[in-house]
Amino acid sequence: MKTYHTIIIGAGSSGIAAAMACAKGGQRVLLIDRCDQIGKKILVTGNGKCNLTNLRQCPECYRGEAPAQIGSIFSAFGLEETMQLFRQAGILTREKNGYVYPYNEQAACVREAFESVLLSKSNLKIMTDTSVEKIKRQKDIFIVGIKHYCHQVGTGMHRKKQGMPIAERYEKKQDYVIKKGYEKEQRLVNGKGCNRGKSFSYNGGVENGQNPTETKEYITCQSLIIATGGLAGPRLGCDGSGYDFAREMGHHIIKPLPSLTALKSSAPFLKKVSGVRNQARITLFVDGANVAEERGELQWTDYGISGVAVFQVSRYAVLALEEKQSVRLVIDFMPEYEKNVLEHLLDDSRNRCSYKTGQAFLNGYVAAKLSPVLLREARIVPDVVVSQWSQNELQAIVRVMKGFVLKINGYVGYENPHVTQGGVDLNELTDTLESCLCPGLFFAGEVVDVDGICGGYNLQWAFSSGSVAGESAFRRNERKTV
């Protein structure tokens, strides 16, 4: 069996950071991912612009059941160290209202920059299109069972590999070309594609046909880092397998649920306002109690409501819905104005525009598709001119504009949310994210019970936790021998 000092399962942001931290001093490191390239989830962050982190760092930006433990990780590897990590990878950044982006605002370049750093390390091996089937602890080592996937067509040197890793490391030494991503070594003679000397592929393969093949093997390591992510984004390789591995090692898993996700409602008007965006302040009420408030953009959909403001409070809505509690959003469409000020403003405008219908009148304040919804809620006929409004009707529309109630009865599942809440209990890990139950086992990233608000905080947690776990694994290995 092949032996490594450290094996990292999952090549997302936290796995990449862990690999950068522990692949030094000659230690042999293996980074495994089930996708065809590393860092695939990076490509969808920040709508493709990659919001790397945020200059505003405070405890309330991160949620979990062990806040003190979260703080200790950031004390070890915080914003300053993360910015240095970006510089190390050659990523120039720019800041917008505290939000940190790559200077070119291209997530793909961030992924490629980290990939190039990893591929420059001769003691680091990357396996993509590879899944971990089993983990076993035996004495002082971990035995990891892996499965490789390969789809090949053609024969010999003309064989094509489809669905294989884009991330490849080429080393030219004495006419050899070593493709580490594919684990294939071929000798090229005089530029011709003929095989001589050693040639192998860990993926096996087929000489003819187009059927995918798979091979299995066992490998061992001293330290093991699980950075498999959560359940958000199954198309990006997030399948929750890390939770299963943690349970097998005796860990308690805090129930994983979607976070930073859209909320559902059965309100009858939703299809009519679908696609509307507006700025507002929202307050989340659970069983009548004010749980969270947020201000920002709302996006109305045919199934409910979305947008950054909704994402920020969705964690608490999801938890409440799971407990079968009553959940309501109260929306303030005019947060800049107090009720009495808004009433005076509308009254003055009504006097100036007495000829307008109620709907045309409200169109000057809210999106046109929302006007009839608000009027209906205030029990005002949309076609009646505002000069005929009573003072009670004026006050009713003010109440609705300042406190529109939307009942929430569901949330969007794991196909669209940005992150997963819940996961491996931090109380069962040390300050360096090593398992208290299984020495040598580390966790990093979304698989742990930590989730951040929108604004680059989840990537910050990934970089910080991955770096802390990787550094700790490196130091542990230094104290031992393979």
Protein backbone atom coordinates (compact mmCIF):
# COMPACT_ATOMS: atom_id res chain seq x y z
CA MET A 1 0.00 0.00 0.00
CA LYS A 2 1.12 3.55 -0.75
CA THR A 3 1.87 5.56 2.36
CA TYR A 4 1.60 9.30 2.97
CA HIS A 5 2.18 11.56 5.90
CA THR A 6 -1.18 13.29 5.37
CA ILE A 7 -4.20 12.53 3.23
CA ILE A 8 -6.77 15.28 2.67
CA ILE A 9 -10.24 14.23 1.55
CA GLY A 10 -11.91 17.04 -0.34
CA ALA A 11 -10.20 19.63 -2.55
CA GLY A 12 -12.47 22.59 -1.98
CA SER A 13 -11.22 25.83 -0.42
CA SER A 14 -10.54 24.27 2.99
CA GLY A 15 -8.84 21.22 1.49
CA ILE A 16 -6.66 23.42 -0.71
CA ALA A 17 -5.67 25.57 2.28
CA ALA A 18 -4.88 22.44 4.29
CA ALA A 19 -2.69 21.08 1.50
CA MET A 20 -0.78 24.36 1.22
CA ALA A 21 -0.18 24.29 4.98
CA CYS A 22 1.02 20.72 5.38
CA ALA A 23 2.84 19.99 2.10
CA LYS A 24 6.21 21.23 3.31
CA GLY A 25 9.37 19.90 4.85
CA GLY A 26 9.36 16.94 2.49
CA GLN A 27 6.25 15.38 3.98
CA ARG A 28 4.26 13.34 1.47
CA VAL A 29 0.73 14.68 1.04
CA LEU A 30 -2.18 13.39 -1.00
CA LEU A 31 -5.19 15.57 -1.91
CA ILE A 32 -8.27 13.66 -3.08
CA ASP A 33 -11.45 14.93 -4.71
CA ARG A 34 -14.38 13.21 -6.38
CA CYS A 35 -14.78 15.99 -8.98
CA ASP A 36 -12.75 16.28 -12.17
CA GLN A 37 -10.83 19.30 -10.88
CA ILE A 38 -9.92 20.82 -7.55
CA GLY A 39 -11.69 23.89 -6.17
CA LYS A 40 -14.80 23.44 -8.25
CA LYS A 41 -17.10 25.18 -5.75
CA ILE A 42 -14.88 28.28 -5.91
CA LEU A 43 -16.18 28.85 -9.44
CA VAL A 44 -19.72 29.63 -8.26
CA THR A 45 -18.84 31.88 -5.31
CA GLY A 46 -19.82 35.54 -5.48
CA ASN A 47 -21.78 34.95 -8.70
CA GLY A 48 -18.54 34.03 -10.41
CA LYS A 49 -16.62 37.01 -8.98
CA CYS A 50 -15.43 35.10 -5.88
CA ASN A 51 -15.98 37.12 -2.70
CA LEU A 52 -12.84 35.83 -0.97
CA THR A 53 -13.32 37.34 2.49
CA ASN A 54 -14.45 40.49 4.28
CA LEU A 55 -12.46 43.16 6.10
CA ARG A 56 -15.17 43.35 8.75
CA GLN A 57 -14.55 40.37 10.99
CA CYS A 58 -16.59 39.95 14.17
CA PRO A 59 -17.98 36.98 16.13
CA GLU A 60 -21.61 37.53 15.05
CA CYS A 61 -20.61 36.89 11.43
CA TYR A 62 -20.18 33.19 12.25
CA ARG A 63 -22.78 30.84 13.68
CA GLY A 64 -22.46 27.50 15.42
CA GLU A 65 -22.97 25.86 18.81
CA ALA A 66 -19.38 26.47 19.99
CA PRO A 67 -18.59 30.18 19.42
CA ALA A 68 -15.51 30.12 21.68
CA GLN A 69 -13.98 27.36 19.56
CA ILE A 70 -14.69 29.33 16.40
CA GLY A 71 -12.86 32.32 17.85
CA SER A 72 -9.79 30.25 18.68
CA ILE A 73 -9.42 29.18 15.05
CA PHE A 74 -9.48 32.78 13.84
CA SER A 75 -6.98 33.73 16.52
CA ALA A 76 -4.59 31.19 15.02
CA PHE A 77 -5.27 32.05 11.38
CA GLY A 78 -7.30 35.18 10.76
CA LEU A 79 -7.80 37.85 8.13
CA GLU A 80 -4.16 38.98 7.99
CA GLU A 81 -2.90 35.44 7.45
CA THR A 82 -5.57 34.84 4.83
CA MET A 83 -4.55 37.92 2.86
CA GLN A 84 -0.97 36.60 2.99
CA LEU A 85 -2.27 33.28 1.63
CA PHE A 86 -3.71 35.11 -1.37
CA ARG A 87 -0.42 36.91 -1.96
CA GLN A 88 1.40 33.59 -1.75
CA ALA A 89 -0.83 32.28 -4.54
CA GLY A 90 -0.28 35.40 -6.64
CA ILE A 91 -3.85 36.66 -6.21
CA LEU A 92 -4.09 40.45 -6.22
CA THR A 93 -7.22 41.61 -4.40
CA ARG A 94 -9.49 44.63 -4.37
CA GLU A 95 -11.94 45.79 -1.71
CA LYS A 96 -15.50 47.08 -2.11
CA ASN A 97 -17.19 48.28 1.07
CA GLY A 98 -15.22 45.71 3.04
CA TYR A 99 -15.89 42.86 0.60
CA VAL A 100 -12.63 41.41 -0.78
CA TYR A 101 -12.52 40.13 -4.38
CA PRO A 102 -9.75 39.07 -6.74
CA TYR A 103 -8.67 42.17 -8.64
CA ASN A 104 -9.93 40.77 -11.94
CA GLU A 105 -13.16 39.55 -10.26
CA GLN A 106 -12.86 36.13 -11.91
CA ALA A 107 -13.42 33.10 -9.72
CA ALA A 108 -11.84 30.81 -12.33
CA CYS A 109 -8.51 32.63 -11.96
CA VAL A 110 -8.61 32.11 -8.20
CA ARG A 111 -9.10 28.38 -8.65
CA GLU A 112 -6.29 28.22 -11.18
CA ALA A 113 -3.94 30.24 -8.96
CA PHE A 114 -4.39 27.85 -6.03
CA GLU A 115 -4.06 24.89 -8.35
CA SER A 116 -0.73 26.15 -9.70
CA VAL A 117 0.62 26.53 -6.16
CA LEU A 118 -0.28 22.95 -5.30
CA LEU A 119 1.06 21.56 -8.55
CA SER A 120 4.42 23.25 -7.92
CA LYS A 121 4.99 21.07 -4.84
CA SER A 122 6.83 17.89 -5.76
CA ASN A 123 5.83 16.17 -2.50
CA LEU A 124 2.11 16.77 -3.09
CA LYS A 125 0.01 14.43 -5.19
CA ILE A 126 -3.49 15.25 -6.42
CA MET A 127 -6.09 12.63 -7.27
CA THR A 128 -9.30 13.82 -8.89
CA ASP A 129 -12.20 11.68 -10.10
CA THR A 130 -11.56 9.70 -6.95
CA SER A 131 -13.94 8.88 -4.12
CA VAL A 132 -13.18 7.59 -0.65
CA GLU A 133 -15.12 4.42 0.12
CA LYS A 134 -13.87 3.51 3.58
CA ILE A 135 -11.72 4.80 6.41
CA LYS A 136 -10.28 2.54 9.08
CA ARG A 137 -8.11 3.37 12.06
CA GLN A 138 -5.47 0.71 12.77
CA LYS A 139 -2.97 1.33 15.54
CA ASP A 140 -1.30 4.66 14.68
CA ILE A 141 -2.28 4.86 11.01
CA PHE A 142 -5.36 5.36 8.88
CA ILE A 143 -6.22 2.95 6.10
CA VAL A 144 -8.20 4.66 3.35
CA GLY A 145 -10.04 2.75 0.64
CA ILE A 146 -10.41 4.74 -2.56
CA LYS A 147 -12.08 4.25 -5.92
CA HIS A 148 -10.84 5.85 -9.16
CA TYR A 149 -13.06 6.56 -12.14
CA CYS A 150 -11.99 6.74 -15.75
CA HIS A 151 -13.74 6.97 -19.13
CA GLN A 152 -11.49 6.14 -22.04
CA VAL A 153 -12.04 5.73 -25.76
CA GLY A 154 -9.52 4.59 -28.34
CA THR A 155 -6.41 2.49 -27.90
CA GLY A 156 -2.76 2.86 -26.98
CA MET A 157 -1.25 6.36 -27.05
CA HIS A 158 -4.34 7.63 -28.90
CA ARG A 159 -6.53 6.79 -25.90
CA LYS A 160 -8.75 9.71 -24.84
CA LYS A 161 -9.76 10.25 -21.25
CA GLN A 162 -13.09 11.94 -20.71
CA GLY A 163 -14.28 13.32 -17.40
CA MET A 164 -10.74 13.14 -16.06
CA PRO A 165 -9.05 15.88 -14.04
CA ILE A 166 -8.18 19.16 -15.68
CA ALA A 167 -5.60 19.71 -12.92
CA GLU A 168 -2.41 18.09 -14.14
CA ARG A 169 1.17 18.52 -13.13
CA TYR A 170 3.77 18.16 -15.84
CA GLU A 171 7.39 17.56 -14.97
CA LYS A 172 9.91 17.18 -17.77
CA LYS A 173 12.91 15.16 -16.68
CA GLN A 174 15.08 13.29 -19.19
CA ASP A 175 12.38 12.98 -21.84
CA TYR A 176 9.76 11.88 -19.29
CA VAL A 177 6.41 13.52 -18.98
CA ILE A 178 4.69 12.75 -15.69
CA LYS A 179 1.02 13.56 -15.51
CA LYS A 180 0.34 13.51 -11.81
CA GLY A 181 -3.36 14.30 -12.13
CA TYR A 182 -3.83 11.08 -14.08
CA GLU A 183 -1.08 9.20 -12.26
CA LYS A 184 0.26 8.18 -15.63
CA GLU A 185 3.89 8.14 -16.68
CA GLN A 186 4.85 7.81 -20.33
CA ARG A 187 8.16 8.00 -22.14
CA LEU A 188 8.18 10.05 -25.32
CA VAL A 189 10.92 9.15 -27.77
CA ASN A 190 11.91 11.64 -30.47
CA GLY A 191 8.55 13.35 -30.08
CA LYS A 192 6.71 10.26 -31.28
CA GLY A 193 3.84 8.76 -29.36
CA CYS A 194 5.28 5.32 -28.69
CA ASN A 195 5.50 3.64 -25.31
CA ARG A 196 8.85 2.50 -24.00
CA GLY A 197 9.89 1.79 -20.49
CA LYS A 198 7.49 2.10 -17.58
CA SER A 199 3.89 3.03 -18.36
CA PHE A 200 0.93 2.71 -16.03
CA SER A 201 -2.38 4.26 -15.05
CA TYR A 202 -3.97 3.90 -11.62
CA ASN A 203 -7.37 4.26 -13.24
CA GLY A 204 -7.06 1.08 -15.21
CA GLY A 205 -9.10 1.62 -18.37
CA VAL A 206 -10.45 -0.05 -21.43
CA GLU A 207 -8.68 -0.48 -24.71
CA ASN A 208 -11.88 -0.28 -26.74
CA GLY A 209 -15.39 1.01 -26.26
CA GLN A 210 -16.67 3.91 -24.20
CA ASN A 211 -17.65 2.38 -20.87
CA PRO A 212 -16.32 4.05 -17.71
CA THR A 213 -13.99 1.95 -15.62
CA GLU A 214 -13.06 2.03 -11.99
CA THR A 215 -10.32 0.59 -9.86
CA LYS A 216 -9.97 0.34 -6.11
CA GLU A 217 -6.99 0.43 -3.81
CA TYR A 218 -6.01 1.05 -0.19
CA ILE A 219 -3.59 3.71 0.96
CA THR A 220 -2.36 4.70 4.42
CA CYS A 221 -1.40 7.86 6.27
CA GLN A 222 -0.37 9.17 9.68
CA SER A 223 -2.75 12.13 9.68
CA LEU A 224 -6.10 12.42 7.93
CA ILE A 225 -7.97 15.65 7.18
CA ILE A 226 -11.65 15.50 6.25
CA ALA A 227 -12.61 18.58 4.24
CA THR A 228 -15.48 17.15 2.22
CA GLY A 229 -17.88 20.07 2.62
CA GLY A 230 -21.51 19.77 3.58
CA LEU A 231 -24.61 19.05 1.53
CA ALA A 232 -25.02 22.39 -0.27
CA GLY A 233 -24.25 21.90 -3.95
CA PRO A 234 -24.47 18.17 -4.75
CA ARG A 235 -23.53 18.89 -8.38
CA LEU A 236 -20.21 20.19 -7.07
CA GLY A 237 -19.39 17.00 -5.19
CA CYS A 238 -20.98 17.89 -1.84
CA ASP A 239 -22.69 14.67 -0.76
CA GLY A 240 -22.33 14.67 3.03
CA SER A 241 -19.90 11.75 3.03
CA GLY A 242 -17.74 13.52 5.61
CA TYR A 243 -20.53 13.24 8.16
CA ASP A 244 -20.60 9.47 7.67
CA PHE A 245 -16.83 9.22 8.14
CA ALA A 246 -17.07 11.32 11.30
CA ARG A 247 -19.86 9.14 12.73
CA GLU A 248 -17.81 6.02 12.05
CA MET A 249 -15.04 7.56 14.16
CA GLY A 250 -17.47 8.18 17.02
CA HIS A 251 -18.31 11.83 16.42
CA HIS A 252 -21.64 13.51 17.05
CA ILE A 253 -23.15 15.30 14.05
CA ILE A 254 -25.33 18.36 14.65
CA LYS A 255 -28.17 17.96 12.15
CA PRO A 256 -27.11 19.46 8.79
CA LEU A 257 -29.63 21.90 7.31
CA PRO A 258 -29.54 24.46 4.50
CA SER A 259 -28.39 27.98 5.34
CA LEU A 260 -28.18 31.16 3.27
CA THR A 261 -31.14 29.88 1.29
CA ALA A 262 -34.42 31.16 -0.14
CA LEU A 263 -37.68 30.77 1.78
CA LYS A 264 -41.00 29.46 0.54
CA SER A 265 -44.53 30.76 0.97
CA SER A 266 -47.97 29.80 -0.29
CA ALA A 267 -49.13 33.43 -0.65
CA PRO A 268 -51.48 33.62 -3.68
CA PHE A 269 -49.92 36.77 -5.21
CA LEU A 270 -46.38 35.41 -5.65
CA LYS A 271 -46.63 34.49 -9.33
CA LYS A 272 -47.75 38.04 -10.11
CA VAL A 273 -44.72 39.62 -8.43
CA SER A 274 -42.13 36.99 -9.43
CA GLY A 275 -38.94 38.65 -10.66
CA VAL A 276 -39.40 41.88 -8.72
CA ARG A 277 -36.44 43.17 -6.72
CA ASN A 278 -36.60 45.83 -4.05
CA GLN A 279 -34.71 47.15 -1.08
CA ALA A 280 -36.36 46.61 2.31
CA ARG A 281 -35.86 45.80 5.96
CA ILE A 282 -37.14 42.41 7.05
CA THR A 283 -37.82 41.06 10.52
CA LEU A 284 -38.12 37.35 11.17
CA PHE A 285 -40.69 36.30 13.76
CA VAL A 286 -40.78 32.78 15.18
CA ASP A 287 -43.88 31.97 17.24
CA GLY A 288 -44.42 35.71 17.58
CA ALA A 289 -40.90 36.50 18.85
CA ASN A 290 -38.49 38.78 16.98
CA VAL A 291 -35.55 36.48 16.09
CA ALA A 292 -33.54 38.36 13.47
CA GLU A 293 -33.54 41.54 11.39
CA GLU A 294 -31.77 42.41 8.16
CA ARG A 295 -31.78 45.15 5.55
CA GLY A 296 -30.96 44.69 1.88
CA GLU A 297 -32.29 43.44 -1.42
CA LEU A 298 -35.28 41.14 -1.73
CA GLN A 299 -35.99 39.02 -4.78
CA TRP A 300 -39.55 37.80 -5.22
CA THR A 301 -40.09 34.40 -6.81
CA ASP A 302 -43.11 32.33 -7.77
CA TYR A 303 -42.47 30.07 -4.76
CA GLY A 304 -41.48 32.64 -2.13
CA ILE A 305 -38.76 35.16 -1.46
CA SER A 306 -35.00 35.30 -1.91
CA GLY A 307 -32.19 37.85 -1.92
CA VAL A 308 -29.26 38.63 0.36
CA ALA A 309 -31.44 39.98 3.20
CA VAL A 310 -33.45 36.74 3.22
CA PHE A 311 -30.30 34.62 3.08
CA GLN A 312 -28.95 36.33 6.20
CA VAL A 313 -31.97 35.37 8.35
CA SER A 314 -32.76 32.05 6.66
CA ARG A 315 -30.70 29.99 9.13
CA TYR A 316 -33.11 30.79 11.92
CA ALA A 317 -36.17 30.31 9.72
CA VAL A 318 -34.99 26.84 8.68
CA LEU A 319 -34.35 25.81 12.28
CA ALA A 320 -37.81 27.05 13.31
CA LEU A 321 -39.55 25.26 10.44
CA GLU A 322 -37.77 22.04 11.41
CA GLU A 323 -39.25 22.47 14.88
CA LYS A 324 -42.74 23.02 13.36
CA GLN A 325 -42.86 26.60 14.66
CA SER A 326 -44.76 29.49 13.11
CA VAL A 327 -42.51 31.60 10.88
CA ARG A 328 -43.37 35.03 9.48
CA LEU A 329 -41.40 37.73 7.68
CA VAL A 330 -42.48 41.31 8.34
CA ILE A 331 -41.32 43.54 5.48
CA ASP A 332 -40.71 47.27 5.74
CA PHE A 333 -40.76 48.63 2.18
CA MET A 334 -39.81 52.14 3.33
CA PRO A 335 -37.15 51.62 6.03
CA GLU A 336 -35.77 55.14 5.66
CA TYR A 337 -38.98 56.68 7.03
CA GLU A 338 -40.71 56.37 10.36
CA LYS A 339 -44.48 55.77 10.21
CA ASN A 340 -45.47 59.34 11.05
CA VAL A 341 -43.00 60.76 8.55
CA LEU A 342 -44.20 58.40 5.82
CA GLU A 343 -47.83 59.27 6.56
CA HIS A 344 -47.05 62.98 6.21
CA LEU A 345 -45.12 62.30 2.98
CA LEU A 346 -47.98 60.29 1.43
CA ASP A 347 -50.58 62.83 2.55
CA ASP A 348 -48.65 65.68 0.94
CA SER A 349 -48.20 63.68 -2.25
CA ARG A 350 -51.88 62.74 -2.27
CA ASN A 351 -52.84 66.42 -2.20
CA ARG A 352 -50.51 67.16 -5.09
CA CYS A 353 -51.59 64.14 -7.16
CA SER A 354 -55.25 63.85 -6.20
CA TYR A 355 -56.16 62.77 -9.74
CA LYS A 356 -54.15 59.52 -9.58
CA THR A 357 -55.61 56.10 -8.85
CA GLY A 358 -54.31 54.29 -5.82
CA GLN A 359 -52.20 51.96 -7.96
CA ALA A 360 -50.66 54.75 -10.05
CA PHE A 361 -50.01 56.66 -6.83
CA LEU A 362 -48.15 53.79 -5.13
CA ASN A 363 -46.10 53.13 -8.27
CA GLY A 364 -44.05 56.15 -7.25
CA TYR A 365 -42.99 54.38 -4.07
CA VAL A 366 -42.79 50.65 -4.78
CA ALA A 367 -42.42 48.38 -7.82
CA ALA A 368 -45.53 48.48 -10.03
CA LYS A 369 -46.23 44.78 -9.53
CA LEU A 370 -46.23 45.23 -5.76
CA SER A 371 -48.70 48.15 -5.71
CA PRO A 372 -51.91 46.10 -6.13
CA VAL A 373 -50.68 43.59 -3.54
CA LEU A 374 -50.18 46.32 -0.92
CA LEU A 375 -53.48 47.98 -1.75
CA ARG A 376 -55.32 44.70 -1.46
CA GLU A 377 -53.69 44.05 1.92
CA ALA A 378 -54.80 47.52 3.05
CA ARG A 379 -58.29 46.78 1.67
CA ILE A 380 -58.19 49.72 -0.73
CA VAL A 381 -59.66 49.45 -4.24
CA PRO A 382 -56.77 50.04 -6.70
CA ASP A 383 -58.85 52.03 -9.24
CA VAL A 384 -60.19 54.58 -6.74
CA VAL A 385 -58.48 57.97 -7.03
CA VAL A 386 -56.49 58.99 -3.97
CA SER A 387 -58.53 62.14 -3.43
CA GLN A 388 -61.29 59.82 -2.21
CA TRP A 389 -59.09 58.07 0.35
CA SER A 390 -60.07 58.59 3.95
CA GLN A 391 -57.46 59.29 6.60
CA ASN A 392 -58.00 55.74 7.88
CA GLU A 393 -57.22 54.35 4.43
CA LEU A 394 -54.08 56.48 4.24
CA GLN A 395 -52.97 55.14 7.61
CA ALA A 396 -53.80 51.58 6.51
CA ILE A 397 -51.51 51.80 3.49
CA VAL A 398 -48.76 53.21 5.71
CA ARG A 399 -49.13 50.25 8.09
CA VAL A 400 -48.90 47.81 5.20
CA MET A 401 -45.88 49.52 3.63
CA LYS A 402 -44.10 49.49 6.98
CA GLY A 403 -45.20 46.03 8.11
CA PHE A 404 -46.25 43.70 5.29
CA VAL A 405 -46.60 40.14 6.66
CA LEU A 406 -45.49 37.12 4.61
CA LYS A 407 -46.08 33.70 6.14
CA ILE A 408 -43.22 31.27 5.52
CA ASN A 409 -43.94 27.55 5.22
CA GLY A 410 -40.77 26.08 3.72
CA TYR A 411 -37.26 26.61 2.39
CA VAL A 412 -35.23 25.72 -0.68
CA GLY A 413 -33.29 22.49 -0.26
CA TYR A 414 -29.68 21.60 -0.92
CA GLU A 415 -29.76 22.16 -4.68
CA ASN A 416 -29.40 25.95 -4.34
CA PRO A 417 -28.27 27.08 -0.86
CA HIS A 418 -24.83 28.60 -0.44
CA VAL A 419 -23.81 26.66 2.65
CA THR A 420 -24.80 23.99 5.16
CA GLN A 421 -25.36 24.68 8.84
CA GLY A 422 -24.66 21.94 11.36
CA GLY A 423 -22.01 19.25 11.04
CA VAL A 424 -19.21 17.86 13.20
CA ASP A 425 -19.55 19.19 16.74
CA LEU A 426 -16.69 21.61 17.47
CA ASN A 427 -16.82 20.64 21.15
CA GLU A 428 -15.37 17.27 20.12
CA LEU A 429 -12.36 18.89 18.43
CA THR A 430 -9.26 20.58 19.84
CA ASP A 431 -8.27 24.18 19.16
CA THR A 432 -6.35 22.86 16.14
CA LEU A 433 -9.39 20.96 14.80
CA GLU A 434 -7.96 17.56 15.73
CA SER A 435 -10.43 14.97 16.93
CA CYS A 436 -10.56 14.48 20.70
CA LEU A 437 -11.83 10.95 20.02
CA CYS A 438 -9.42 9.85 17.30
CA PRO A 439 -5.87 11.33 17.38
CA GLY A 440 -4.55 12.23 13.95
CA LEU A 441 -8.02 12.88 12.51
CA PHE A 442 -8.74 16.51 11.58
CA PHE A 443 -11.76 18.33 10.16
CA ALA A 444 -11.93 21.58 8.19
CA GLY A 445 -14.42 23.70 6.32
CA GLU A 446 -18.14 23.24 5.91
CA VAL A 447 -18.17 19.70 7.32
CA VAL A 448 -17.76 21.33 10.76
CA ASP A 449 -20.64 23.04 12.59
CA VAL A 450 -19.76 26.57 11.48
CA ASP A 451 -21.57 28.71 8.91
CA GLY A 452 -21.09 32.38 8.14
CA ILE A 453 -23.32 35.14 6.85
CA CYS A 454 -23.13 36.36 3.25
CA GLY A 455 -20.10 38.44 2.35
CA GLY A 456 -17.08 36.14 2.07
CA TYR A 457 -17.31 34.73 5.59
CA ASN A 458 -17.76 31.10 4.60
CA LEU A 459 -14.66 31.22 2.42
CA GLN A 460 -12.79 32.89 5.30
CA TRP A 461 -13.80 29.98 7.55
CA ALA A 462 -12.66 27.52 4.88
CA PHE A 463 -9.22 29.15 4.52
CA SER A 464 -8.75 29.56 8.28
CA SER A 465 -9.91 26.11 9.33
CA GLY A 466 -8.07 24.39 6.49
CA SER A 467 -4.83 26.20 7.28
CA VAL A 468 -5.09 25.43 11.01
CA ALA A 469 -5.84 21.76 10.39
CA GLY A 470 -3.06 21.45 7.79
CA GLU A 471 -0.46 23.12 10.01
CA SER A 472 -1.47 20.96 12.95
CA ALA A 473 -1.22 17.78 10.86
CA PHE A 474 2.24 18.85 9.66
CA ARG A 475 3.47 19.39 13.22
CA ARG A 476 1.98 16.11 14.39
CA ASN A 477 3.76 14.25 11.61
CA GLU A 478 7.05 15.89 12.51
CA ARG A 479 6.79 14.26 15.91
CA LYS A 480 6.28 10.84 14.38
CA THR A 481 7.79 8.67 11.71
CA VAL A 482 5.99 6.87 8.93
